[in-house]
Amino acid sequence: MFSTDGLGIRGRIFAVVPHDGGLMVKVPESRADELVAAGAVERMVMRGRELREWVVMPDAASDADWSSLLADALAYVDEISP
């Protein structure tokens, strides 16, 4: 989907490392809104359009922040995947 390696569960991707760096994850739209408002992440933009549930955390974020975000993403995609 994103032309890069990613992590998934039951065939659905929840995290990838974009070509330009950072950590891109899928989280609920409300959680994405919170993270963007806090300045922790930016919305992923593809073909000029912001994606509602995909955000990118910068390389400079701490390991703890990356781990927490990965846990959120895994839990969300696990919940919505049959």
Protein backbone atom coordinates (compact mmCIF):
# COMPACT_ATOMS: atom_id res chain seq x y z
CA MET A 1 0.00 0.00 0.00
CA PHE A 2 2.71 2.49 0.97
CA SER A 3 5.61 0.94 -1.01
CA THR A 4 7.56 0.26 2.17
CA ASP A 5 7.84 -2.38 4.88
CA GLY A 6 5.16 -2.33 7.51
CA LEU A 7 3.64 -4.08 10.49
CA GLY A 8 0.25 -5.67 10.26
CA ILE A 9 -2.28 -7.92 11.92
CA ARG A 10 -4.64 -10.27 10.07
CA GLY A 11 -3.58 -8.76 6.77
CA ARG A 12 -4.16 -5.12 7.77
CA ILE A 13 -1.27 -2.68 8.07
CA PHE A 14 -1.07 -0.57 11.23
CA ALA A 15 2.44 0.93 11.01
CA VAL A 16 5.08 1.71 8.38
CA VAL A 17 8.32 3.64 8.16
CA PRO A 18 7.88 6.14 5.30
CA HIS A 19 10.71 6.66 2.82
CA ASP A 20 11.41 10.12 4.28
CA GLY A 21 11.59 8.82 7.87
CA GLY A 22 9.46 8.86 10.97
CA LEU A 23 6.84 6.36 12.05
CA MET A 24 3.47 6.33 10.32
CA VAL A 25 0.61 4.62 12.15
CA LYS A 26 -3.14 4.18 11.90
CA VAL A 27 -5.08 5.33 14.98
CA PRO A 28 -8.69 6.38 15.54
CA GLU A 29 -9.46 9.78 14.04
CA SER A 30 -10.15 11.25 17.49
CA ARG A 31 -6.74 10.05 18.75
CA ALA A 32 -5.08 11.45 15.62
CA ASP A 33 -6.76 14.81 16.31
CA GLU A 34 -5.40 14.80 19.90
CA LEU A 35 -1.87 13.93 18.81
CA VAL A 36 -1.84 16.58 16.08
CA ALA A 37 -3.18 19.22 18.49
CA ALA A 38 -0.44 18.32 20.99
CA GLY A 39 2.21 18.72 18.28
CA ALA A 40 3.42 15.13 18.70
CA VAL A 41 2.64 14.08 15.12
CA GLU A 42 1.60 15.38 11.72
CA ARG A 43 -1.20 14.02 9.55
CA MET A 44 -0.05 11.86 6.67
CA VAL A 45 -0.74 13.57 3.35
CA MET A 46 -1.12 11.50 0.20
CA ARG A 47 -1.87 13.00 -3.20
CA GLY A 48 -2.58 16.35 -1.55
CA ARG A 49 -5.14 14.95 0.90
CA GLU A 50 -4.75 14.53 4.65
CA LEU A 51 -5.60 11.04 5.81
CA ARG A 52 -8.00 10.97 8.77
CA GLU A 53 -6.50 8.06 10.67
CA TRP A 54 -2.86 8.05 9.57
CA VAL A 55 -0.27 10.16 11.39
CA VAL A 56 3.52 10.43 11.27
CA MET A 57 5.70 10.75 14.36
CA PRO A 58 9.16 12.23 13.67
CA ASP A 59 12.45 10.34 13.94
CA ALA A 60 13.44 12.60 16.83
CA ALA A 61 10.64 11.26 19.08
CA SER A 62 11.71 9.08 21.98
CA ASP A 63 11.64 5.30 21.90
CA ALA A 64 8.92 5.43 24.57
CA ASP A 65 6.77 7.69 22.37
CA TRP A 66 7.24 5.39 19.37
CA SER A 67 6.40 2.33 21.49
CA SER A 68 3.29 3.94 22.90
CA LEU A 69 2.09 5.00 19.46
CA LEU A 70 2.75 1.53 18.04
CA ALA A 71 0.73 -0.01 20.89
CA ASP A 72 -2.17 2.38 20.18
CA ALA A 73 -2.07 1.52 16.48
CA LEU A 74 -1.92 -2.23 17.02
CA ALA A 75 -4.82 -2.12 19.49
CA TYR A 76 -6.93 -0.04 17.12
CA VAL A 77 -6.38 -2.15 14.03
CA ASP A 78 -6.80 -5.34 16.05
CA GLU A 79 -10.16 -4.02 17.27
CA ILE A 80 -11.47 -3.10 13.82
CA SER A 81 -10.15 -6.18 11.97
CA PRO A 82 -12.33 -9.28 11.73
